[in-house]
């Protein structure tokens, strides 16, 4: 990618708790404010952008959308095209 990495999102739940919590898939572009339930790592560069327990911010959504449109591969999410994302129920 050619864009500056977004700020680290707010941690809203310990990662272990988020990993074990009930989840649901939602539209990625409508997920602002929800708590992420998966790790999303654009590759390259291979740096996780969001992890379980972190709040999905508008900046994260915009950054990942730009990376997808640039053809960057997403490692980690159940939907590698990020039409949907798993969040905490």
Protein backbone atom coordinates (compact mmCIF):
# COMPACT_ATOMS: atom_id res chain seq x y z
CA UNK A 1 0.00 0.00 0.00
CA UNK A 2 0.97 3.58 -0.47
CA UNK A 3 -1.03 5.09 2.38
CA UNK A 4 0.00 6.00 5.91
CA UNK A 5 -1.06 3.37 8.44
CA UNK A 6 -4.09 4.41 10.51
CA UNK A 7 -3.83 5.15 14.23
CA UNK A 8 -4.08 2.15 16.55
CA UNK A 9 -7.80 1.82 17.33
CA UNK A 10 -9.18 1.97 20.89
CA UNK A 11 -9.07 -1.35 22.79
CA UNK A 12 -12.62 -2.00 24.03
CA UNK A 13 -12.26 -5.58 25.27
CA UNK A 14 -9.29 -7.82 26.16
CA UNK A 15 -8.25 -9.85 23.07
CA UNK A 16 -8.87 -13.20 24.80
CA UNK A 17 -12.38 -12.14 25.82
CA UNK A 18 -13.08 -10.93 22.27
CA UNK A 19 -11.72 -14.17 20.79
CA UNK A 20 -14.09 -16.22 22.98
CA UNK A 21 -17.15 -13.94 22.65
CA UNK A 22 -20.21 -14.58 20.48
CA UNK A 23 -19.77 -12.92 17.09
CA UNK A 24 -21.82 -11.99 14.06
CA UNK A 25 -20.94 -10.90 10.53
CA UNK A 26 -21.90 -7.35 9.54
CA UNK A 27 -21.30 -5.22 6.43
CA UNK A 28 -17.73 -3.97 6.71
CA UNK A 29 -18.57 -0.45 5.54
CA UNK A 30 -21.30 -0.24 8.23
CA UNK A 31 -19.13 -1.59 11.07
CA UNK A 32 -17.90 1.73 12.54
CA UNK A 33 -18.09 1.66 16.34
CA UNK A 34 -18.39 -2.13 16.55
CA UNK A 35 -15.80 -4.30 18.32
CA UNK A 36 -13.73 -6.35 15.89
CA UNK A 37 -13.59 -10.13 16.36
CA UNK A 38 -10.78 -10.94 13.91
CA UNK A 39 -7.27 -9.87 12.93
CA UNK A 40 -7.00 -8.03 9.61
CA UNK A 41 -3.55 -7.75 8.09
CA UNK A 42 -3.02 -6.16 4.67
CA UNK A 43 -0.14 -7.91 2.88
CA UNK A 44 2.07 -6.26 1.96
CA UNK A 45 3.17 -4.75 4.35
CA UNK A 46 2.04 -7.50 6.74
CA UNK A 47 1.26 -5.23 9.70
CA UNK A 48 -2.06 -5.97 11.48
CA UNK A 49 -4.39 -2.97 11.24
CA UNK A 50 -7.03 -4.20 13.67
CA UNK A 51 -7.30 -7.10 16.11
CA UNK A 52 -9.98 -8.74 18.28
CA UNK A 53 -11.22 -6.39 21.00
CA UNK A 54 -10.41 -3.19 19.10
CA UNK A 55 -13.04 -0.69 17.97
CA UNK A 56 -13.55 -0.35 14.23
CA UNK A 57 -13.02 3.33 13.38
CA UNK A 58 -13.88 5.30 10.24
CA UNK A 59 -10.13 5.69 9.66
CA UNK A 60 -9.66 1.87 9.70
CA UNK A 61 -12.57 1.38 7.28
CA UNK A 62 -11.23 4.05 4.90
CA UNK A 63 -7.67 2.70 5.03
CA UNK A 64 -8.64 -0.92 4.41
CA UNK A 65 -11.00 0.13 1.61
CA UNK A 66 -8.13 2.02 -0.11
CA UNK A 67 -5.84 -0.99 0.29
CA UNK A 68 -8.47 -3.36 -1.16
CA UNK A 69 -9.00 -1.07 -4.16
CA UNK A 70 -5.21 -1.03 -4.68
CA UNK A 71 -5.29 -4.85 -4.91
CA UNK A 72 -3.65 -5.56 -1.56
CA UNK A 73 -4.32 -9.07 -0.15
CA UNK A 74 -6.03 -9.23 3.28
CA UNK A 75 -4.81 -11.93 5.66
CA UNK A 76 -6.92 -13.04 8.61
CA UNK A 77 -10.56 -12.11 7.97
CA UNK A 78 -13.16 -14.78 7.21
CA UNK A 79 -14.09 -12.66 4.15
CA UNK A 80 -10.83 -11.65 2.41
CA UNK A 81 -12.75 -9.19 0.20
CA UNK A 82 -14.09 -7.44 3.35
CA UNK A 83 -17.68 -7.23 2.21
CA UNK A 84 -18.43 -8.44 5.75
CA UNK A 85 -16.46 -8.52 8.99
CA UNK A 86 -16.96 -10.53 12.19
CA UNK A 87 -17.78 -8.36 15.20
CA UNK A 88 -18.77 -9.00 18.82
CA UNK A 89 -22.54 -9.46 19.23
